[in-house]
Amino acid sequence: MRVMQTKRIKICYLITGLNTGGAEMMLYRLIEKLDKTKYNVIVVSIIPLGKVADKIKELGINVVSLEMKSKLELSVIFRLVHILKEFKPTILHSYLFHANLLGRIAGKIAGVPIIISSIRNTIFGGQIRELALRYTDFLSDATTIICETAAKRMISRKVVPKEKLHVIYNGIDPKM
């Protein structure tokens, strides 16, 4: 009897940075639990790598940095597009405000089939950031958010339409 080998789903996780923080550790814990026989993962940090990058690398995951050093460094879009076209992920999942914006733009340019943004706070920097996410929302397929309170705020402020918002609560591993 022949056993069919299934192709692993490629996921690119894009995050603003990989210094120690809540979103960074949630990403690490998620990747740590992913079934490596089902998923092929790459992690891309916008800014130079931090301590969490080392932890992710220890899991055998490829981690790269776009090495962005200035907020006006627009060439970072093209560096990410290049990585996406080379890796060809089925899913681009971004964490944190800057990664959400960059991921939406570069993901569409690169032709990534599924683009997911992740909002990790109830308030993440004011009206300008909310408007930026609102006006680029059409570039993403879904947005995850950490709790009902944050979801209600994003819907009421028209940052994300209700039908595209999915609440996924932060979790902890009780064995840790």
N, C-alpha and C. Protein backbone atom coordinates (compact mmCIF):
# COMPACT_ATOMS: atom_id res chain seq x y z
N MET A 1 0.84 -1.17 0.00
CA MET A 1 0.00 0.00 0.00
C MET A 1 0.89 1.24 0.00
N ARG A 2 0.53 2.22 -0.84
CA ARG A 2 1.27 3.49 -0.91
C ARG A 2 0.67 4.51 0.03
N VAL A 3 1.52 5.17 0.77
CA VAL A 3 1.06 6.25 1.65
C VAL A 3 1.29 7.57 0.93
N MET A 4 0.24 8.37 0.82
CA MET A 4 0.37 9.65 0.13
C MET A 4 1.03 10.67 1.05
N GLN A 5 2.04 11.31 0.55
CA GLN A 5 2.73 12.36 1.28
C GLN A 5 1.97 13.67 1.05
N THR A 6 1.52 14.30 2.11
CA THR A 6 0.83 15.57 1.94
C THR A 6 1.85 16.71 1.99
N LYS A 7 1.58 17.70 1.23
CA LYS A 7 2.45 18.87 1.16
C LYS A 7 2.24 19.73 2.40
N ARG A 8 3.33 20.19 3.00
CA ARG A 8 3.21 21.03 4.18
C ARG A 8 2.74 22.43 3.78
N ILE A 9 1.90 23.02 4.61
CA ILE A 9 1.39 24.37 4.39
C ILE A 9 2.48 25.35 4.80
N LYS A 10 2.78 26.28 3.91
CA LYS A 10 3.81 27.29 4.19
C LYS A 10 3.18 28.51 4.85
N ILE A 11 3.75 28.89 6.00
CA ILE A 11 3.28 30.06 6.73
C ILE A 11 4.46 30.99 6.97
N CYS A 12 4.26 32.25 6.65
CA CYS A 12 5.23 33.28 7.00
C CYS A 12 4.63 34.11 8.12
N TYR A 13 5.31 34.13 9.26
CA TYR A 13 4.92 34.99 10.36
C TYR A 13 5.77 36.25 10.27
N LEU A 14 5.11 37.39 10.21
CA LEU A 14 5.78 38.69 10.15
C LEU A 14 5.50 39.43 11.45
N ILE A 15 6.55 39.92 12.09
CA ILE A 15 6.40 40.63 13.35
C ILE A 15 7.30 41.85 13.33
N THR A 16 6.89 42.88 14.03
CA THR A 16 7.68 44.12 14.04
C THR A 16 9.08 43.86 14.57
N GLY A 17 9.20 43.15 15.67
CA GLY A 17 10.51 42.84 16.23
C GLY A 17 10.44 41.58 17.07
N LEU A 18 11.60 41.07 17.44
CA LEU A 18 11.65 39.84 18.22
C LEU A 18 12.42 40.02 19.53
N ASN A 19 12.26 41.20 20.13
CA ASN A 19 12.76 41.39 21.48
C ASN A 19 11.73 40.79 22.43
N THR A 20 12.06 40.64 23.68
CA THR A 20 11.15 40.01 24.62
C THR A 20 9.94 40.88 24.87
N GLY A 21 8.75 40.33 24.62
CA GLY A 21 7.49 41.03 24.83
C GLY A 21 6.35 40.04 24.71
N GLY A 22 5.14 40.50 24.99
CA GLY A 22 3.98 39.62 24.99
C GLY A 22 3.66 39.01 23.65
N ALA A 23 3.57 39.81 22.59
CA ALA A 23 3.25 39.29 21.26
C ALA A 23 4.36 38.37 20.76
N GLU A 24 5.58 38.75 21.05
CA GLU A 24 6.73 37.96 20.62
C GLU A 24 6.71 36.57 21.27
N MET A 25 6.40 36.53 22.56
CA MET A 25 6.35 35.26 23.27
C MET A 25 5.14 34.42 22.84
N MET A 26 4.02 35.07 22.54
CA MET A 26 2.86 34.32 22.03
C MET A 26 3.20 33.68 20.67
N LEU A 27 3.92 34.41 19.83
CA LEU A 27 4.34 33.85 18.54
C LEU A 27 5.27 32.67 18.78
N TYR A 28 6.22 32.81 19.68
CA TYR A 28 7.14 31.71 19.99
C TYR A 28 6.36 30.48 20.45
N ARG A 29 5.43 30.67 21.37
CA ARG A 29 4.67 29.53 21.90
C ARG A 29 3.81 28.87 20.82
N LEU A 30 3.26 29.67 19.92
CA LEU A 30 2.48 29.13 18.81
C LEU A 30 3.37 28.26 17.92
N ILE A 31 4.51 28.80 17.53
CA ILE A 31 5.42 28.07 16.65
C ILE A 31 5.94 26.81 17.33
N GLU A 32 6.20 26.90 18.61
CA GLU A 32 6.69 25.76 19.37
C GLU A 32 5.72 24.58 19.31
N LYS A 33 4.42 24.87 19.27
CA LYS A 33 3.38 23.83 19.29
C LYS A 33 2.93 23.38 17.89
N LEU A 34 3.36 24.08 16.85
CA LEU A 34 2.94 23.69 15.49
C LEU A 34 3.50 22.33 15.10
N ASP A 35 2.71 21.56 14.41
CA ASP A 35 3.13 20.26 13.91
C ASP A 35 4.04 20.49 12.70
N LYS A 36 5.31 20.21 12.87
CA LYS A 36 6.31 20.48 11.82
C LYS A 36 6.12 19.57 10.60
N THR A 37 5.33 18.49 10.76
CA THR A 37 5.06 17.64 9.60
C THR A 37 3.96 18.23 8.72
N LYS A 38 3.19 19.15 9.27
CA LYS A 38 2.10 19.78 8.52
C LYS A 38 2.40 21.19 8.05
N TYR A 39 3.34 21.87 8.74
CA TYR A 39 3.59 23.28 8.45
C TYR A 39 5.08 23.54 8.23
N ASN A 40 5.36 24.35 7.24
CA ASN A 40 6.71 24.84 6.94
C ASN A 40 6.68 26.33 7.23
N VAL A 41 7.46 26.76 8.21
CA VAL A 41 7.35 28.12 8.74
C VAL A 41 8.63 28.91 8.56
N ILE A 42 8.45 30.20 8.28
CA ILE A 42 9.52 31.17 8.33
C ILE A 42 9.02 32.34 9.17
N VAL A 43 9.92 32.95 9.94
CA VAL A 43 9.57 34.12 10.73
C VAL A 43 10.41 35.28 10.23
N VAL A 44 9.75 36.40 9.97
CA VAL A 44 10.42 37.60 9.48
C VAL A 44 10.19 38.73 10.48
N SER A 45 11.27 39.33 10.92
CA SER A 45 11.22 40.49 11.81
C SER A 45 11.54 41.73 10.99
N ILE A 46 10.78 42.79 11.22
CA ILE A 46 11.04 44.03 10.48
C ILE A 46 12.35 44.66 10.94
N ILE A 47 12.55 44.73 12.24
CA ILE A 47 13.76 45.35 12.79
C ILE A 47 14.79 44.26 13.11
N PRO A 48 16.04 44.64 13.43
CA PRO A 48 17.05 43.64 13.76
C PRO A 48 16.58 42.68 14.85
N LEU A 49 17.09 41.45 14.77
CA LEU A 49 16.64 40.36 15.64
C LEU A 49 16.96 40.60 17.11
N GLY A 50 16.09 40.04 17.98
CA GLY A 50 16.27 40.12 19.42
C GLY A 50 16.33 38.72 20.04
N LYS A 51 16.18 38.65 21.35
CA LYS A 51 16.33 37.40 22.10
C LYS A 51 15.33 36.32 21.70
N VAL A 52 14.11 36.70 21.38
CA VAL A 52 13.10 35.70 21.02
C VAL A 52 13.46 35.03 19.69
N ALA A 53 14.18 35.72 18.83
CA ALA A 53 14.63 35.12 17.57
C ALA A 53 15.51 33.91 17.84
N ASP A 54 16.37 34.03 18.84
CA ASP A 54 17.25 32.90 19.19
C ASP A 54 16.45 31.70 19.65
N LYS A 55 15.40 31.94 20.44
CA LYS A 55 14.54 30.85 20.92
C LYS A 55 13.83 30.17 19.75
N ILE A 56 13.37 30.97 18.79
CA ILE A 56 12.67 30.41 17.63
C ILE A 56 13.64 29.61 16.76
N LYS A 57 14.85 30.12 16.59
CA LYS A 57 15.87 29.41 15.81
C LYS A 57 16.19 28.06 16.44
N GLU A 58 16.18 28.00 17.77
CA GLU A 58 16.44 26.73 18.48
C GLU A 58 15.39 25.67 18.14
N LEU A 59 14.22 26.10 17.68
CA LEU A 59 13.17 25.17 17.27
C LEU A 59 13.39 24.65 15.85
N GLY A 60 14.44 25.14 15.20
CA GLY A 60 14.72 24.73 13.83
C GLY A 60 13.98 25.54 12.79
N ILE A 61 13.51 26.71 13.19
CA ILE A 61 12.74 27.58 12.30
C ILE A 61 13.67 28.65 11.71
N ASN A 62 13.51 28.91 10.43
CA ASN A 62 14.27 29.96 9.76
C ASN A 62 13.74 31.33 10.21
N VAL A 63 14.62 32.17 10.72
CA VAL A 63 14.26 33.51 11.17
C VAL A 63 15.15 34.51 10.44
N VAL A 64 14.52 35.50 9.81
CA VAL A 64 15.27 36.52 9.09
C VAL A 64 14.81 37.91 9.52
N SER A 65 15.67 38.87 9.31
CA SER A 65 15.32 40.26 9.62
C SER A 65 15.39 41.10 8.35
N LEU A 66 14.45 42.03 8.25
CA LEU A 66 14.48 42.98 7.14
C LEU A 66 15.45 44.12 7.44
N GLU A 67 15.97 44.13 8.68
CA GLU A 67 16.99 45.11 9.11
C GLU A 67 16.56 46.56 8.94
N MET A 68 15.29 46.84 9.14
CA MET A 68 14.80 48.21 9.02
C MET A 68 15.36 49.05 10.17
N LYS A 69 15.93 50.19 9.82
CA LYS A 69 16.54 51.04 10.84
C LYS A 69 15.86 52.40 10.95
N SER A 70 14.97 52.71 9.99
CA SER A 70 14.28 54.00 9.98
C SER A 70 12.84 53.80 9.53
N LYS A 71 11.92 54.54 10.12
CA LYS A 71 10.50 54.41 9.74
C LYS A 71 10.25 54.85 8.31
N LEU A 72 11.16 55.59 7.72
CA LEU A 72 10.98 56.06 6.34
C LEU A 72 11.69 55.18 5.33
N GLU A 73 12.15 54.03 5.74
CA GLU A 73 12.89 53.12 4.89
C GLU A 73 11.93 52.27 4.06
N LEU A 74 11.45 52.82 2.96
CA LEU A 74 10.44 52.18 2.14
C LEU A 74 10.95 50.94 1.39
N SER A 75 12.27 50.83 1.27
CA SER A 75 12.83 49.66 0.57
C SER A 75 12.53 48.36 1.33
N VAL A 76 12.12 48.47 2.58
CA VAL A 76 11.77 47.29 3.37
C VAL A 76 10.59 46.54 2.72
N ILE A 77 9.71 47.26 2.05
CA ILE A 77 8.58 46.63 1.34
C ILE A 77 9.12 45.66 0.29
N PHE A 78 10.10 46.12 -0.47
CA PHE A 78 10.64 45.30 -1.56
C PHE A 78 11.44 44.11 -1.02
N ARG A 79 12.12 44.30 0.12
CA ARG A 79 12.84 43.17 0.73
C ARG A 79 11.85 42.09 1.18
N LEU A 80 10.72 42.52 1.76
CA LEU A 80 9.73 41.55 2.19
C LEU A 80 9.06 40.88 0.98
N VAL A 81 8.74 41.64 -0.05
CA VAL A 81 8.16 41.06 -1.25
C VAL A 81 9.09 39.99 -1.82
N HIS A 82 10.38 40.27 -1.84
CA HIS A 82 11.36 39.30 -2.35
C HIS A 82 11.32 38.00 -1.53
N ILE A 83 11.30 38.12 -0.21
CA ILE A 83 11.24 36.94 0.67
C ILE A 83 9.96 36.16 0.41
N LEU A 84 8.84 36.87 0.31
CA LEU A 84 7.55 36.21 0.09
C LEU A 84 7.51 35.50 -1.26
N LYS A 85 8.03 36.11 -2.29
CA LYS A 85 8.03 35.48 -3.60
C LYS A 85 8.95 34.25 -3.63
N GLU A 86 10.02 34.32 -2.88
CA GLU A 86 10.95 33.19 -2.81
C GLU A 86 10.37 32.04 -1.98
N PHE A 87 9.79 32.33 -0.82
CA PHE A 87 9.25 31.31 0.08
C PHE A 87 7.89 30.79 -0.39
N LYS A 88 7.11 31.64 -1.03
CA LYS A 88 5.77 31.30 -1.54
C LYS A 88 4.83 30.74 -0.46
N PRO A 89 4.58 31.52 0.59
CA PRO A 89 3.68 31.02 1.63
C PRO A 89 2.22 31.01 1.17
N THR A 90 1.46 30.10 1.74
CA THR A 90 0.01 30.10 1.55
C THR A 90 -0.61 31.15 2.46
N ILE A 91 0.00 31.32 3.64
CA ILE A 91 -0.52 32.25 4.65
C ILE A 91 0.59 33.20 5.09
N LEU A 92 0.25 34.47 5.15
CA LEU A 92 1.10 35.49 5.79
C LEU A 92 0.33 35.97 6.99
N HIS A 93 0.87 35.74 8.19
CA HIS A 93 0.21 36.15 9.43
C HIS A 93 1.11 37.16 10.13
N SER A 94 0.61 38.39 10.27
CA SER A 94 1.42 39.46 10.85
C SER A 94 0.97 39.78 12.28
N TYR A 95 1.95 40.18 13.08
CA TYR A 95 1.75 40.54 14.48
C TYR A 95 2.26 41.96 14.71
N LEU A 96 1.45 42.79 15.30
CA LEU A 96 1.76 44.17 15.71
C LEU A 96 1.54 45.15 14.56
N PHE A 97 1.32 46.40 14.92
CA PHE A 97 0.87 47.42 14.00
C PHE A 97 1.71 47.54 12.73
N HIS A 98 3.02 47.78 12.87
CA HIS A 98 3.87 48.00 11.69
C HIS A 98 3.90 46.77 10.79
N ALA A 99 3.95 45.59 11.40
CA ALA A 99 3.94 44.36 10.61
C ALA A 99 2.60 44.18 9.90
N ASN A 100 1.50 44.57 10.55
CA ASN A 100 0.19 44.47 9.90
C ASN A 100 0.15 45.32 8.63
N LEU A 101 0.62 46.56 8.73
CA LEU A 101 0.62 47.44 7.54
C LEU A 101 1.53 46.91 6.45
N LEU A 102 2.76 46.61 6.82
CA LEU A 102 3.73 46.13 5.85
C LEU A 102 3.28 44.80 5.24
N GLY A 103 2.77 43.91 6.06
CA GLY A 103 2.32 42.61 5.58
C GLY A 103 1.18 42.71 4.59
N ARG A 104 0.24 43.59 4.86
CA ARG A 104 -0.89 43.76 3.95
C ARG A 104 -0.42 44.23 2.57
N ILE A 105 0.46 45.22 2.56
CA ILE A 105 0.94 45.79 1.29
C ILE A 105 1.83 44.79 0.55
N ALA A 106 2.86 44.31 1.23
CA ALA A 106 3.81 43.38 0.58
C ALA A 106 3.14 42.06 0.22
N GLY A 107 2.24 41.59 1.08
CA GLY A 107 1.54 40.34 0.81
C GLY A 107 0.73 40.40 -0.47
N LYS A 108 0.02 41.51 -0.67
CA LYS A 108 -0.76 41.66 -1.91
C LYS A 108 0.15 41.76 -3.13
N ILE A 109 1.22 42.54 -3.01
CA ILE A 109 2.16 42.67 -4.14
C ILE A 109 2.74 41.31 -4.50
N ALA A 110 3.09 40.50 -3.49
CA ALA A 110 3.71 39.20 -3.71
C ALA A 110 2.71 38.11 -4.09
N GLY A 111 1.42 38.41 -3.98
CA GLY A 111 0.40 37.43 -4.35
C GLY A 111 0.17 36.33 -3.32
N VAL A 112 0.38 36.64 -2.04
CA VAL A 112 0.12 35.65 -0.99
C VAL A 112 -1.39 35.40 -0.93
N PRO A 113 -1.81 34.12 -0.99
CA PRO A 113 -3.25 33.81 -1.03
C PRO A 113 -4.05 34.24 0.20
N ILE A 114 -3.49 34.08 1.41
CA ILE A 114 -4.22 34.40 2.63
C ILE A 114 -3.37 35.33 3.49
N ILE A 115 -3.93 36.50 3.82
CA ILE A 115 -3.23 37.49 4.65
C ILE A 115 -4.05 37.71 5.91
N ILE A 116 -3.42 37.44 7.05
CA ILE A 116 -4.08 37.59 8.35
C ILE A 116 -3.31 38.60 9.18
N SER A 117 -4.00 39.56 9.74
CA SER A 117 -3.40 40.53 10.66
C SER A 117 -3.78 40.13 12.08
N SER A 118 -2.98 40.56 13.02
CA SER A 118 -3.27 40.23 14.42
C SER A 118 -3.13 41.50 15.26
N ILE A 119 -4.21 41.89 15.91
CA ILE A 119 -4.21 43.04 16.83
C ILE A 119 -4.08 42.48 18.23
N ARG A 120 -3.03 42.89 18.93
CA ARG A 120 -2.69 42.31 20.21
C ARG A 120 -3.04 43.20 21.40
N ASN A 121 -3.69 44.37 21.16
CA ASN A 121 -4.02 45.31 22.23
C ASN A 121 -5.41 45.90 22.00
N THR A 122 -5.96 46.47 23.05
CA THR A 122 -7.21 47.21 22.91
C THR A 122 -6.95 48.58 22.30
N ILE A 123 -5.88 49.22 22.74
CA ILE A 123 -5.47 50.53 22.21
C ILE A 123 -4.03 50.38 21.75
N PHE A 124 -3.75 50.73 20.52
CA PHE A 124 -2.41 50.49 19.98
C PHE A 124 -1.76 51.71 19.35
N GLY A 125 -2.10 52.90 19.82
CA GLY A 125 -1.36 54.05 19.35
C GLY A 125 -2.15 55.19 18.77
N GLY A 126 -3.44 55.21 18.93
CA GLY A 126 -4.21 56.39 18.55
C GLY A 126 -4.90 56.33 17.21
N GLN A 127 -5.54 57.45 16.89
CA GLN A 127 -6.42 57.56 15.73
C GLN A 127 -5.70 57.36 14.40
N ILE A 128 -4.49 57.86 14.27
CA ILE A 128 -3.77 57.72 13.00
C ILE A 128 -3.51 56.25 12.69
N ARG A 129 -3.12 55.50 13.70
CA ARG A 129 -2.90 54.06 13.49
C ARG A 129 -4.21 53.35 13.18
N GLU A 130 -5.26 53.73 13.87
CA GLU A 130 -6.57 53.13 13.59
C GLU A 130 -7.00 53.40 12.15
N LEU A 131 -6.80 54.62 11.69
CA LEU A 131 -7.15 54.96 10.31
C LEU A 131 -6.29 54.18 9.31
N ALA A 132 -5.01 54.04 9.61
CA ALA A 132 -4.12 53.29 8.73
C ALA A 132 -4.59 51.84 8.58
N LEU A 133 -4.99 51.24 9.70
CA LEU A 133 -5.49 49.86 9.62
C LEU A 133 -6.85 49.81 8.92
N ARG A 134 -7.70 50.78 9.18
CA ARG A 134 -9.01 50.81 8.53
C ARG A 134 -8.86 50.89 7.01
N TYR A 135 -8.00 51.80 6.54
CA TYR A 135 -7.89 52.02 5.11
C TYR A 135 -7.07 50.96 4.38
N THR A 136 -6.37 50.11 5.12
CA THR A 136 -5.65 49.00 4.47
C THR A 136 -6.33 47.66 4.74
N ASP A 137 -7.45 47.68 5.45
CA ASP A 137 -8.13 46.43 5.78
C ASP A 137 -8.52 45.63 4.55
N PHE A 138 -8.85 46.29 3.47
CA PHE A 138 -9.27 45.58 2.25
C PHE A 138 -8.15 44.69 1.70
N LEU A 139 -6.92 44.91 2.14
CA LEU A 139 -5.78 44.12 1.68
C LEU A 139 -5.63 42.81 2.46
N SER A 140 -6.37 42.67 3.55
CA SER A 140 -6.25 41.44 4.36
C SER A 140 -7.52 40.62 4.28
N ASP A 141 -7.37 39.34 4.62
CA ASP A 141 -8.51 38.42 4.58
C ASP A 141 -9.19 38.29 5.93
N ALA A 142 -8.44 38.45 6.99
CA ALA A 142 -8.99 38.30 8.34
C ALA A 142 -8.09 39.02 9.33
N THR A 143 -8.65 39.34 10.49
CA THR A 143 -7.88 39.92 11.58
C THR A 143 -8.23 39.15 12.85
N THR A 144 -7.19 38.73 13.56
CA THR A 144 -7.42 38.11 14.86
C THR A 144 -7.19 39.17 15.92
N ILE A 145 -7.86 38.98 17.06
CA ILE A 145 -7.75 39.93 18.16
C ILE A 145 -7.85 39.16 19.47
N ILE A 146 -7.32 39.71 20.55
CA ILE A 146 -7.10 38.94 21.77
C ILE A 146 -8.29 38.81 22.72
N CYS A 147 -9.30 39.67 22.59
CA CYS A 147 -10.43 39.58 23.53
C CYS A 147 -11.65 40.31 22.97
N GLU A 148 -12.80 40.03 23.58
CA GLU A 148 -14.06 40.66 23.16
C GLU A 148 -14.04 42.17 23.34
N THR A 149 -13.44 42.64 24.42
CA THR A 149 -13.37 44.09 24.66
C THR A 149 -12.64 44.80 23.53
N ALA A 150 -11.49 44.23 23.14
CA ALA A 150 -10.72 44.82 22.04
C ALA A 150 -11.51 44.72 20.73
N ALA A 151 -12.19 43.59 20.53
CA ALA A 151 -12.99 43.41 19.30
C ALA A 151 -14.08 44.47 19.21
N LYS A 152 -14.81 44.67 20.30
CA LYS A 152 -15.89 45.67 20.30
C LYS A 152 -15.35 47.06 20.00
N ARG A 153 -14.19 47.38 20.55
CA ARG A 153 -13.58 48.69 20.29
C ARG A 153 -13.20 48.85 18.82
N MET A 154 -12.58 47.82 18.25
CA MET A 154 -12.16 47.90 16.84
C MET A 154 -13.36 47.99 15.90
N ILE A 155 -14.43 47.29 16.24
CA ILE A 155 -15.66 47.35 15.42
C ILE A 155 -16.32 48.72 15.55
N SER A 156 -16.46 49.22 16.78
CA SER A 156 -17.14 50.51 16.99
C SER A 156 -16.36 51.66 16.36
N ARG A 157 -15.04 51.55 16.31
CA ARG A 157 -14.21 52.60 15.72
C ARG A 157 -13.96 52.35 14.23
N LYS A 158 -14.61 51.31 13.70
CA LYS A 158 -14.54 50.97 12.28
C LYS A 158 -13.12 50.67 11.79
N VAL A 159 -12.31 50.12 12.68
CA VAL A 159 -10.95 49.72 12.31
C VAL A 159 -11.00 48.42 11.50
N VAL A 160 -11.86 47.49 11.93
CA VAL A 160 -12.03 46.20 11.28
C VAL A 160 -13.52 45.88 11.25
N PRO A 161 -14.05 45.45 10.11
CA PRO A 161 -15.47 45.06 10.09
C PRO A 161 -15.68 43.77 10.89
N LYS A 162 -16.83 43.68 11.50
CA LYS A 162 -17.16 42.55 12.38
C LYS A 162 -16.96 41.21 11.68
N GLU A 163 -17.34 41.11 10.43
CA GLU A 163 -17.27 39.83 9.72
C GLU A 163 -15.84 39.37 9.44
N LYS A 164 -14.87 40.25 9.55
CA LYS A 164 -13.47 39.87 9.32
C LYS A 164 -12.68 39.70 10.62
N LEU A 165 -13.32 39.93 11.75
CA LEU A 165 -12.62 39.92 13.04
C LEU A 165 -12.89 38.62 13.78
N HIS A 166 -11.83 38.00 14.27
CA HIS A 166 -11.93 36.71 14.97
C HIS A 166 -11.21 36.81 16.30
N VAL A 167 -11.94 36.60 17.39
CA VAL A 167 -11.35 36.65 18.72
C VAL A 167 -10.66 35.32 19.01
N ILE A 168 -9.38 35.39 19.29
CA ILE A 168 -8.60 34.23 19.73
C ILE A 168 -7.90 34.65 21.01
N TYR A 169 -8.37 34.12 22.11
CA TYR A 169 -7.84 34.51 23.42
C TYR A 169 -6.40 34.05 23.59
N ASN A 170 -5.63 34.86 24.30
CA ASN A 170 -4.29 34.43 24.69
C ASN A 170 -4.44 33.22 25.58
N GLY A 171 -3.54 32.30 25.48
CA GLY A 171 -3.59 31.12 26.33
C GLY A 171 -2.26 30.92 27.02
N ILE A 172 -2.27 30.08 28.00
CA ILE A 172 -1.04 29.73 28.69
C ILE A 172 -0.94 28.22 28.74
N ASP A 173 0.26 27.73 28.83
CA ASP A 173 0.48 26.31 29.00
C ASP A 173 0.57 26.04 30.49
N PRO A 174 -0.42 25.35 31.06
CA PRO A 174 -0.44 25.14 32.51
C PRO A 174 0.72 24.25 32.99
N LYS A 175 1.39 23.58 32.07
CA LYS A 175 2.53 22.72 32.44
C LYS A 175 3.83 23.50 32.58
N MET A 176 3.80 24.77 32.24
CA MET A 176 5.04 25.57 32.30
C MET A 176 5.24 26.14 33.69
